[in-house]
Amino acid sequence: MSTKEIIEKRVKSLTISIKREKAILQELESDRATIQRIREWEETGVALASDSHYASYEEWKSSLQKQIKRGESSLENLKTKKAELEAFQFYLDKIGA
């Protein structure tokens, strides 16, 4: 496989990864909104549903905070992927792909 073919394959992979950005942002927004609702329920004394997957609001918030950290990390990784994509596109443009 030539260098050009390898880079073209990587460009396709990066493009697919970058398309996930919108979904990641939406998930982060949803998780943050859920944490806010949990805080409101705690303040108003709303009991955790008996059929909840979590033993407490704290456990639920902790799980969401971990998801948020993963999402933020994914966004940081996407910044690198965007830079790689830009560099590869520049290379392909220069060699006449």
PDB file of N, CA and C in Angstrom:
ATOM      1  N   MET A   1       0.853  -1.171   0.000  1.00  0.00           N
ATOM      2  CA  MET A   1       0.000   0.000   0.000  1.00  0.00           C
ATOM      3  C   MET A   1       0.899   1.235   0.000  1.00  0.00           C
ATOM      4  N   SER A   2       0.606   2.167  -0.880  1.00  0.00           N
ATOM      5  CA  SER A   2       1.420   3.376  -0.994  1.00  0.00           C
ATOM      6  C   SER A   2       1.108   4.354   0.141  1.00  0.00           C
ATOM      7  N   THR A   3       1.991   5.310   0.315  1.00  0.00           N
ATOM      8  CA  THR A   3       1.780   6.349   1.330  1.00  0.00           C
ATOM      9  C   THR A   3       0.474   7.082   1.075  1.00  0.00           C
ATOM     10  N   LYS A   4       0.236   7.402  -0.184  1.00  0.00           N
ATOM     11  CA  LYS A   4      -0.986   8.116  -0.541  1.00  0.00           C
ATOM     12  C   LYS A   4      -2.222   7.298  -0.155  1.00  0.00           C
ATOM     13  N   GLU A   5      -2.212   6.018  -0.420  1.00  0.00           N
ATOM     14  CA  GLU A   5      -3.357   5.159  -0.090  1.00  0.00           C
ATOM     15  C   GLU A   5      -3.566   5.068   1.418  1.00  0.00           C
ATOM     16  N   ILE A   6      -2.479   4.981   2.142  1.00  0.00           N
ATOM     17  CA  ILE A   6      -2.563   4.923   3.607  1.00  0.00           C
ATOM     18  C   ILE A   6      -3.172   6.214   4.142  1.00  0.00           C
ATOM     19  N   ILE A   7      -2.713   7.338   3.623  1.00  0.00           N
ATOM     20  CA  ILE A   7      -3.231   8.629   4.086  1.00  0.00           C
ATOM     21  C   ILE A   7      -4.695   8.791   3.697  1.00  0.00           C
ATOM     22  N   GLU A   8      -5.064   8.381   2.497  1.00  0.00           N
ATOM     23  CA  GLU A   8      -6.469   8.470   2.082  1.00  0.00           C
ATOM     24  C   GLU A   8      -7.362   7.629   2.991  1.00  0.00           C
ATOM     25  N   LYS A   9      -6.875   6.458   3.372  1.00  0.00           N
ATOM     26  CA  LYS A   9      -7.627   5.598   4.294  1.00  0.00           C
ATOM     27  C   LYS A   9      -7.770   6.285   5.651  1.00  0.00           C
ATOM     28  N   ARG A  10      -6.693   6.899   6.120  1.00  0.00           N
ATOM     29  CA  ARG A  10      -6.719   7.603   7.405  1.00  0.00           C
ATOM     30  C   ARG A  10      -7.662   8.802   7.343  1.00  0.00           C
ATOM     31  N   VAL A  11      -7.691   9.505   6.218  1.00  0.00           N
ATOM     32  CA  VAL A  11      -8.589  10.649   6.043  1.00  0.00           C
ATOM     33  C   VAL A  11     -10.039  10.195   6.188  1.00  0.00           C
ATOM     34  N   LYS A  12     -10.384   9.076   5.586  1.00  0.00           N
ATOM     35  CA  LYS A  12     -11.749   8.556   5.706  1.00  0.00           C
ATOM     36  C   LYS A  12     -12.084   8.246   7.162  1.00  0.00           C
ATOM     37  N   SER A  13     -11.143   7.604   7.844  1.00  0.00           N
ATOM     38  CA  SER A  13     -11.348   7.258   9.253  1.00  0.00           C
ATOM     39  C   SER A  13     -11.513   8.507  10.116  1.00  0.00           C
ATOM     40  N   LEU A  14     -10.666   9.493   9.902  1.00  0.00           N
ATOM     41  CA  LEU A  14     -10.747  10.742  10.668  1.00  0.00           C
ATOM     42  C   LEU A  14     -12.058  11.463  10.402  1.00  0.00           C
ATOM     43  N   THR A  15     -12.482  11.477   9.158  1.00  0.00           N
ATOM     44  CA  THR A  15     -13.730  12.150   8.790  1.00  0.00           C
ATOM     45  C   THR A  15     -14.910  11.524   9.517  1.00  0.00           C
ATOM     46  N   ILE A  16     -14.934  10.206   9.580  1.00  0.00           N
ATOM     47  CA  ILE A  16     -16.008   9.501  10.293  1.00  0.00           C
ATOM     48  C   ILE A  16     -15.971   9.849  11.780  1.00  0.00           C
ATOM     49  N   SER A  17     -14.786   9.851  12.367  1.00  0.00           N
ATOM     50  CA  SER A  17     -14.648  10.181  13.792  1.00  0.00           C
ATOM     51  C   SER A  17     -15.125  11.591  14.092  1.00  0.00           C
ATOM     52  N   ILE A  18     -14.773  12.523  13.242  1.00  0.00           N
ATOM     53  CA  ILE A  18     -15.121  13.930  13.463  1.00  0.00           C
ATOM     54  C   ILE A  18     -16.627  14.146  13.374  1.00  0.00           C
ATOM     55  N   LYS A  19     -17.305  13.338  12.595  1.00  0.00           N
ATOM     56  CA  LYS A  19     -18.761  13.458  12.474  1.00  0.00           C
ATOM     57  C   LYS A  19     -19.469  13.178  13.798  1.00  0.00           C
ATOM     58  N   ARG A  20     -18.792  12.530  14.733  1.00  0.00           N
ATOM     59  CA  ARG A  20     -19.373  12.225  16.040  1.00  0.00           C
ATOM     60  C   ARG A  20     -19.446  13.447  16.955  1.00  0.00           C
ATOM     61  N   GLU A  21     -18.796  14.528  16.582  1.00  0.00           N
ATOM     62  CA  GLU A  21     -18.713  15.701  17.459  1.00  0.00           C
ATOM     63  C   GLU A  21     -20.088  16.199  17.891  1.00  0.00           C
ATOM     64  N   LYS A  22     -21.007  16.312  16.967  1.00  0.00           N
ATOM     65  CA  LYS A  22     -22.341  16.824  17.295  1.00  0.00           C
ATOM     66  C   LYS A  22     -23.026  15.925  18.322  1.00  0.00           C
ATOM     67  N   ALA A  23     -22.922  14.625  18.140  1.00  0.00           N
ATOM     68  CA  ALA A  23     -23.534  13.684  19.082  1.00  0.00           C
ATOM     69  C   ALA A  23     -22.891  13.791  20.461  1.00  0.00           C
ATOM     70  N   ILE A  24     -21.587  13.956  20.498  1.00  0.00           N
ATOM     71  CA  ILE A  24     -20.882  14.101  21.775  1.00  0.00           C
ATOM     72  C   ILE A  24     -21.340  15.371  22.481  1.00  0.00           C
ATOM     73  N   LEU A  25     -21.444  16.463  21.741  1.00  0.00           N
ATOM     74  CA  LEU A  25     -21.896  17.728  22.331  1.00  0.00           C
ATOM     75  C   LEU A  25     -23.320  17.608  22.870  1.00  0.00           C
ATOM     76  N   GLN A  26     -24.182  16.932  22.138  1.00  0.00           N
ATOM     77  CA  GLN A  26     -25.560  16.743  22.592  1.00  0.00           C
ATOM     78  C   GLN A  26     -25.604  15.892  23.856  1.00  0.00           C
ATOM     79  N   GLU A  27     -24.782  14.859  23.902  1.00  0.00           N
ATOM     80  CA  GLU A  27     -24.735  13.997  25.081  1.00  0.00           C
ATOM     81  C   GLU A  27     -24.229  14.778  26.294  1.00  0.00           C
ATOM     82  N   LEU A  28     -23.213  15.600  26.104  1.00  0.00           N
ATOM     83  CA  LEU A  28     -22.708  16.430  27.203  1.00  0.00           C
ATOM     84  C   LEU A  28     -23.792  17.375  27.712  1.00  0.00           C
ATOM     85  N   GLU A  29     -24.506  17.995  26.800  1.00  0.00           N
ATOM     86  CA  GLU A  29     -25.585  18.907  27.179  1.00  0.00           C
ATOM     87  C   GLU A  29     -26.664  18.164  27.968  1.00  0.00           C
ATOM     88  N   SER A  30     -27.010  16.991  27.508  1.00  0.00           N
ATOM     89  CA  SER A  30     -28.024  16.182  28.183  1.00  0.00           C
ATOM     90  C   SER A  30     -27.562  15.771  29.583  1.00  0.00           C
ATOM     91  N   ASP A  31     -26.319  15.319  29.694  1.00  0.00           N
ATOM     92  CA  ASP A  31     -25.788  14.901  30.996  1.00  0.00           C
ATOM     93  C   ASP A  31     -25.749  16.073  31.977  1.00  0.00           C
ATOM     94  N   ARG A  32     -25.329  17.229  31.506  1.00  0.00           N
ATOM     95  CA  ARG A  32     -25.282  18.412  32.382  1.00  0.00           C
ATOM     96  C   ARG A  32     -26.684  18.833  32.817  1.00  0.00           C
ATOM     97  N   ALA A  33     -27.639  18.745  31.904  1.00  0.00           N
ATOM     98  CA  ALA A  33     -29.023  19.087  32.246  1.00  0.00           C
ATOM     99  C   ALA A  33     -29.584  18.090  33.259  1.00  0.00           C
ATOM    100  N   THR A  34     -29.236  16.831  33.111  1.00  0.00           N
ATOM    101  CA  THR A  34     -29.709  15.815  34.052  1.00  0.00           C
ATOM    102  C   THR A  34     -29.131  16.062  35.440  1.00  0.00           C
ATOM    103  N   ILE A  35     -27.864  16.413  35.515  1.00  0.00           N
ATOM    104  CA  ILE A  35     -27.263  16.733  36.818  1.00  0.00           C
ATOM    105  C   ILE A  35     -28.000  17.904  37.454  1.00  0.00           C
ATOM    106  N   GLN A  36     -28.328  18.911  36.670  1.00  0.00           N
ATOM    107  CA  GLN A  36     -29.065  20.063  37.200  1.00  0.00           C
ATOM    108  C   GLN A  36     -30.435  19.636  37.728  1.00  0.00           C
ATOM    109  N   ARG A  37     -31.136  18.774  36.984  1.00  0.00           N
ATOM    110  CA  ARG A  37     -32.444  18.289  37.449  1.00  0.00           C
ATOM    111  C   ARG A  37     -32.303  17.487  38.739  1.00  0.00           C
ATOM    112  N   ILE A  38     -31.267  16.674  38.827  1.00  0.00           N
ATOM    113  CA  ILE A  38     -31.038  15.892  40.046  1.00  0.00           C
ATOM    114  C   ILE A  38     -30.835  16.832  41.228  1.00  0.00           C
ATOM    115  N   ARG A  39     -30.054  17.888  41.046  1.00  0.00           N
ATOM    116  CA  ARG A  39     -29.833  18.864  42.124  1.00  0.00           C
ATOM    117  C   ARG A  39     -31.153  19.491  42.563  1.00  0.00           C
ATOM    118  N   GLU A  40     -31.994  19.816  41.583  1.00  0.00           N
ATOM    119  CA  GLU A  40     -33.300  20.399  41.908  1.00  0.00           C
ATOM    120  C   GLU A  40     -34.157  19.402  42.686  1.00  0.00           C
ATOM    121  N   TRP A  41     -34.146  18.146  42.269  1.00  0.00           N
ATOM    122  CA  TRP A  41     -34.922  17.122  42.985  1.00  0.00           C
ATOM    123  C   TRP A  41     -34.406  16.952  44.407  1.00  0.00           C
ATOM    124  N   GLU A  42     -33.074  16.990  44.566  1.00  0.00           N
ATOM    125  CA  GLU A  42     -32.493  16.876  45.907  1.00  0.00           C
ATOM    126  C   GLU A  42     -32.931  18.050  46.778  1.00  0.00           C
ATOM    127  N   GLU A  43     -32.880  19.261  46.232  1.00  0.00           N
ATOM    128  CA  GLU A  43     -33.241  20.460  46.987  1.00  0.00           C
ATOM    129  C   GLU A  43     -34.706  20.465  47.392  1.00  0.00           C
ATOM    130  N   THR A  44     -35.560  19.924  46.533  1.00  0.00           N
ATOM    131  CA  THR A  44     -36.998  19.924  46.828  1.00  0.00           C
ATOM    132  C   THR A  44     -37.449  18.660  47.545  1.00  0.00           C
ATOM    133  N   GLY A  45     -36.515  17.753  47.805  1.00  0.00           N
ATOM    134  CA  GLY A  45     -36.840  16.554  48.567  1.00  0.00           C
ATOM    135  C   GLY A  45     -37.554  15.462  47.791  1.00  0.00           C
ATOM    136  N   VAL A  46     -37.447  15.483  46.480  1.00  0.00           N
ATOM    137  CA  VAL A  46     -38.059  14.432  45.664  1.00  0.00           C
ATOM    138  C   VAL A  46     -37.272  13.141  45.873  1.00  0.00           C
ATOM    139  N   ALA A  47     -37.982  12.089  46.209  1.00  0.00           N
ATOM    140  CA  ALA A  47     -37.331  10.800  46.457  1.00  0.00           C
ATOM    141  C   ALA A  47     -36.897  10.161  45.142  1.00  0.00           C
ATOM    142  N   LEU A  48     -35.793   9.451  45.207  1.00  0.00           N
ATOM    143  CA  LEU A  48     -35.312   8.701  44.054  1.00  0.00           C
ATOM    144  C   LEU A  48     -36.300   7.576  43.769  1.00  0.00           C
ATOM    145  N   ALA A  49     -36.639   7.385  42.522  1.00  0.00           N
ATOM    146  CA  ALA A  49     -37.605   6.343  42.154  1.00  0.00           C
ATOM    147  C   ALA A  49     -37.122   4.978  42.630  1.00  0.00           C
ATOM    148  N   SER A  50     -38.039   4.178  43.108  1.00  0.00           N
ATOM    149  CA  SER A  50     -37.676   2.865  43.647  1.00  0.00           C
ATOM    150  C   SER A  50     -37.129   1.929  42.572  1.00  0.00           C
ATOM    151  N   ASP A  51     -37.493   2.164  41.323  1.00  0.00           N
ATOM    152  CA  ASP A  51     -37.004   1.301  40.244  1.00  0.00           C
ATOM    153  C   ASP A  51     -35.765   1.883  39.544  1.00  0.00           C
ATOM    154  N   SER A  52     -35.122   2.850  40.188  1.00  0.00           N
ATOM    155  CA  SER A  52     -33.938   3.486  39.621  1.00  0.00           C
ATOM    156  C   SER A  52     -32.780   2.495  39.544  1.00  0.00           C
ATOM    157  N   HIS A  53     -31.932   2.704  38.564  1.00  0.00           N
ATOM    158  CA  HIS A  53     -30.724   1.884  38.430  1.00  0.00           C
ATOM    159  C   HIS A  53     -29.647   2.303  39.431  1.00  0.00           C
ATOM    160  N   TYR A  54     -29.885   3.397  40.123  1.00  0.00           N
ATOM    161  CA  TYR A  54     -28.902   3.942  41.055  1.00  0.00           C
ATOM    162  C   TYR A  54     -29.418   3.847  42.482  1.00  0.00           C
ATOM    163  N   ALA A  55     -28.484   3.664  43.414  1.00  0.00           N
ATOM    164  CA  ALA A  55     -28.853   3.552  44.824  1.00  0.00           C
ATOM    165  C   ALA A  55     -29.136   4.920  45.442  1.00  0.00           C
ATOM    166  N   SER A  56     -28.569   5.966  44.847  1.00  0.00           N
ATOM    167  CA  SER A  56     -28.756   7.312  45.386  1.00  0.00           C
ATOM    168  C   SER A  56     -28.559   8.342  44.280  1.00  0.00           C
ATOM    169  N   TYR A  57     -28.967   9.575  44.582  1.00  0.00           N
ATOM    170  CA  TYR A  57     -28.726  10.664  43.643  1.00  0.00           C
ATOM    171  C   TYR A  57     -27.223  10.892  43.462  1.00  0.00           C
ATOM    172  N   GLU A  58     -26.467  10.746  44.543  1.00  0.00           N
ATOM    173  CA  GLU A  58     -25.014  10.942  44.469  1.00  0.00           C
ATOM    174  C   GLU A  58     -24.378   9.949  43.501  1.00  0.00           C
ATOM    175  N   GLU A  59     -24.811   8.698  43.575  1.00  0.00           N
ATOM    176  CA  GLU A  59     -24.281   7.679  42.669  1.00  0.00           C
ATOM    177  C   GLU A  59     -24.615   8.038  41.212  1.00  0.00           C
ATOM    178  N   TRP A  60     -25.830   8.506  40.995  1.00  0.00           N
ATOM    179  CA  TRP A  60     -26.277   8.895  39.659  1.00  0.00           C
ATOM    180  C   TRP A  60     -25.448  10.068  39.135  1.00  0.00           C
ATOM    181  N   LYS A  61     -25.271  11.093  39.988  1.00  0.00           N
ATOM    182  CA  LYS A  61     -24.476  12.257  39.588  1.00  0.00           C
ATOM    183  C   LYS A  61     -23.026  11.860  39.304  1.00  0.00           C
ATOM    184  N   SER A  62     -22.489  10.984  40.128  1.00  0.00           N
ATOM    185  CA  SER A  62     -21.118  10.526  39.931  1.00  0.00           C
ATOM    186  C   SER A  62     -20.967   9.828  38.576  1.00  0.00           C
ATOM    187  N   SER A  63     -21.925   9.009  38.241  1.00  0.00           N
ATOM    188  CA  SER A  63     -21.910   8.323  36.951  1.00  0.00           C
ATOM    189  C   SER A  63     -21.969   9.329  35.799  1.00  0.00           C
ATOM    190  N   LEU A  64     -22.834  10.315  35.926  1.00  0.00           N
ATOM    191  CA  LEU A  64     -22.956  11.343  34.888  1.00  0.00           C
ATOM    192  C   LEU A  64     -21.680  12.178  34.776  1.00  0.00           C
ATOM    193  N   GLN A  65     -21.058  12.491  35.908  1.00  0.00           N
ATOM    194  CA  GLN A  65     -19.828  13.275  35.883  1.00  0.00           C
ATOM    195  C   GLN A  65     -18.707  12.510  35.177  1.00  0.00           C
ATOM    196  N   LYS A  66     -18.671  11.194  35.361  1.00  0.00           N
ATOM    197  CA  LYS A  66     -17.686  10.374  34.648  1.00  0.00           C
ATOM    198  C   LYS A  66     -17.964  10.396  33.147  1.00  0.00           C
ATOM    199  N   GLN A  67     -19.233  10.326  32.777  1.00  0.00           N
ATOM    200  CA  GLN A  67     -19.597  10.392  31.356  1.00  0.00           C
ATOM    201  C   GLN A  67     -19.209  11.741  30.763  1.00  0.00           C
ATOM    202  N   ILE A  68     -19.397  12.792  31.535  1.00  0.00           N
ATOM    203  CA  ILE A  68     -19.028  14.133  31.074  1.00  0.00           C
ATOM    204  C   ILE A  68     -17.521  14.217  30.851  1.00  0.00           C
ATOM    205  N   LYS A  69     -16.741  13.674  31.775  1.00  0.00           N
ATOM    206  CA  LYS A  69     -15.279  13.691  31.617  1.00  0.00           C
ATOM    207  C   LYS A  69     -14.864  12.933  30.361  1.00  0.00           C
ATOM    208  N   ARG A  70     -15.505  11.781  30.112  1.00  0.00           N
ATOM    209  CA  ARG A  70     -15.198  11.011  28.905  1.00  0.00           C
ATOM    210  C   ARG A  70     -15.567  11.814  27.652  1.00  0.00           C
ATOM    211  N   GLY A  71     -16.717  12.476  27.696  1.00  0.00           N
ATOM    212  CA  GLY A  71     -17.142  13.288  26.558  1.00  0.00           C
ATOM    213  C   GLY A  71     -16.196  14.442  26.295  1.00  0.00           C
ATOM    214  N   GLU A  72     -15.772  15.111  27.362  1.00  0.00           N
ATOM    215  CA  GLU A  72     -14.830  16.222  27.211  1.00  0.00           C
ATOM    216  C   GLU A  72     -13.495  15.729  26.660  1.00  0.00           C
ATOM    217  N   SER A  73     -13.074  14.557  27.110  1.00  0.00           N
ATOM    218  CA  SER A  73     -11.845  13.953  26.595  1.00  0.00           C
ATOM    219  C   SER A  73     -11.992  13.623  25.109  1.00  0.00           C
ATOM    220  N   SER A  74     -13.150  13.132  24.741  1.00  0.00           N
ATOM    221  CA  SER A  74     -13.409  12.834  23.328  1.00  0.00           C
ATOM    222  C   SER A  74     -13.344  14.096  22.483  1.00  0.00           C
ATOM    223  N   LEU A  75     -13.876  15.194  23.004  1.00  0.00           N
ATOM    224  CA  LEU A  75     -13.812  16.464  22.274  1.00  0.00           C
ATOM    225  C   LEU A  75     -12.368  16.929  22.097  1.00  0.00           C
ATOM    226  N   GLU A  76     -11.553  16.743  23.128  1.00  0.00           N
ATOM    227  CA  GLU A  76     -10.137  17.105  23.019  1.00  0.00           C
ATOM    228  C   GLU A  76      -9.456  16.246  21.959  1.00  0.00           C
ATOM    229  N   ASN A  77      -9.776  14.956  21.943  1.00  0.00           N
ATOM    230  CA  ASN A  77      -9.201  14.067  20.935  1.00  0.00           C
ATOM    231  C   ASN A  77      -9.635  14.474  19.530  1.00  0.00           C
ATOM    232  N   LEU A  78     -10.865  14.948  19.412  1.00  0.00           N
ATOM    233  CA  LEU A  78     -11.351  15.385  18.104  1.00  0.00           C
ATOM    234  C   LEU A  78     -10.575  16.600  17.593  1.00  0.00           C
ATOM    235  N   LYS A  79     -10.121  17.444  18.501  1.00  0.00           N
ATOM    236  CA  LYS A  79      -9.304  18.591  18.082  1.00  0.00           C
ATOM    237  C   LYS A  79      -8.031  18.100  17.392  1.00  0.00           C
ATOM    238  N   THR A  80      -7.415  17.078  17.973  1.00  0.00           N
ATOM    239  CA  THR A  80      -6.212  16.498  17.378  1.00  0.00           C
ATOM    240  C   THR A  80      -6.539  15.870  16.030  1.00  0.00           C
ATOM    241  N   LYS A  81      -7.649  15.161  15.978  1.00  0.00           N
ATOM    242  CA  LYS A  81      -8.042  14.513  14.723  1.00  0.00           C
ATOM    243  C   LYS A  81      -8.325  15.539  13.630  1.00  0.00           C
ATOM    244  N   LYS A  82      -8.920  16.662  14.004  1.00  0.00           N
ATOM    245  CA  LYS A  82      -9.173  17.721  13.021  1.00  0.00           C
ATOM    246  C   LYS A  82      -7.854  18.277  12.482  1.00  0.00           C
ATOM    247  N   ALA A  83      -6.881  18.452  13.365  1.00  0.00           N
ATOM    248  CA  ALA A  83      -5.572  18.952  12.931  1.00  0.00           C
ATOM    249  C   ALA A  83      -4.893  17.934  12.017  1.00  0.00           C
ATOM    250  N   GLU A  84      -4.981  16.659  12.376  1.00  0.00           N
ATOM    251  CA  GLU A  84      -4.416  15.610  11.527  1.00  0.00           C
ATOM    252  C   GLU A  84      -5.085  15.614  10.156  1.00  0.00           C
ATOM    253  N   LEU A  85      -6.398  15.718  10.150  1.00  0.00           N
ATOM    254  CA  LEU A  85      -7.140  15.723   8.892  1.00  0.00           C
ATOM    255  C   LEU A  85      -6.704  16.894   8.014  1.00  0.00           C
ATOM    256  N   GLU A  86      -6.565  18.054   8.634  1.00  0.00           N
ATOM    257  CA  GLU A  86      -6.128  19.237   7.891  1.00  0.00           C
ATOM    258  C   GLU A  86      -4.739  19.017   7.285  1.00  0.00           C
ATOM    259  N   ALA A  87      -3.839  18.436   8.074  1.00  0.00           N
ATOM    260  CA  ALA A  87      -2.479  18.179   7.582  1.00  0.00           C
ATOM    261  C   ALA A  87      -2.492  17.154   6.447  1.00  0.00           C
ATOM    262  N   PHE A  88      -3.266  16.106   6.608  1.00  0.00           N
ATOM    263  CA  PHE A  88      -3.337  15.085   5.562  1.00  0.00           C
ATOM    264  C   PHE A  88      -3.966  15.643   4.286  1.00  0.00           C
ATOM    265  N   GLN A  89      -4.997  16.468   4.443  1.00  0.00           N
ATOM    266  CA  GLN A  89      -5.630  17.083   3.274  1.00  0.00           C
ATOM    267  C   GLN A  89      -4.628  17.990   2.551  1.00  0.00           C
ATOM    268  N   PHE A  90      -3.855  18.724   3.324  1.00  0.00           N
ATOM    269  CA  PHE A  90      -2.829  19.590   2.743  1.00  0.00           C
ATOM    270  C   PHE A  90      -1.836  18.751   1.945  1.00  0.00           C
ATOM    271  N   TYR A  91      -1.398  17.647   2.534  1.00  0.00           N
ATOM    272  CA  TYR A  91      -0.456  16.749   1.867  1.00  0.00           C
ATOM    273  C   TYR A  91      -1.053  16.211   0.568  1.00  0.00           C
ATOM    274  N   LEU A  92      -2.286  15.733   0.648  1.00  0.00           N
ATOM    275  CA  LEU A  92      -2.929  15.175  -0.544  1.00  0.00           C
ATOM    276  C   LEU A  92      -3.124  16.233  -1.626  1.00  0.00           C
ATOM    277  N   ASP A  93      -3.457  17.455  -1.215  1.00  0.00           N
ATOM    278  CA  ASP A  93      -3.602  18.549  -2.182  1.00  0.00           C
ATOM    279  C   ASP A  93      -2.269  18.846  -2.876  1.00  0.00           C
ATOM    280  N   LYS A  94      -1.181  18.773  -2.118  1.00  0.00           N
ATOM    281  CA  LYS A  94       0.143  19.084  -2.667  1.00  0.00           C
ATOM    282  C   LYS A  94       0.637  18.012  -3.636  1.00  0.00           C
ATOM    283  N   ILE A  95       0.262  16.752  -3.388  1.00  0.00           N
ATOM    284  CA  ILE A  95       0.736  15.693  -4.287  1.00  0.00           C
ATOM    285  C   ILE A  95      -0.245  15.436  -5.424  1.00  0.00           C
ATOM    286  N   GLY A  96      -1.366  16.162  -5.411  1.00  0.00           N
ATOM    287  CA  GLY A  96      -2.319  16.059  -6.504  1.00  0.00           C
ATOM    288  C   GLY A  96      -3.263  14.883  -6.414  1.00  0.00           C
ATOM    289  N   ALA A  97      -3.782  14.643  -5.224  1.00  0.00           N
ATOM    290  CA  ALA A  97      -4.701  13.512  -5.037  1.00  0.00           C
ATOM    291  C   ALA A  97      -6.026  13.752  -5.706  1.00  0.00           C
TER     292      ALA A  97
END
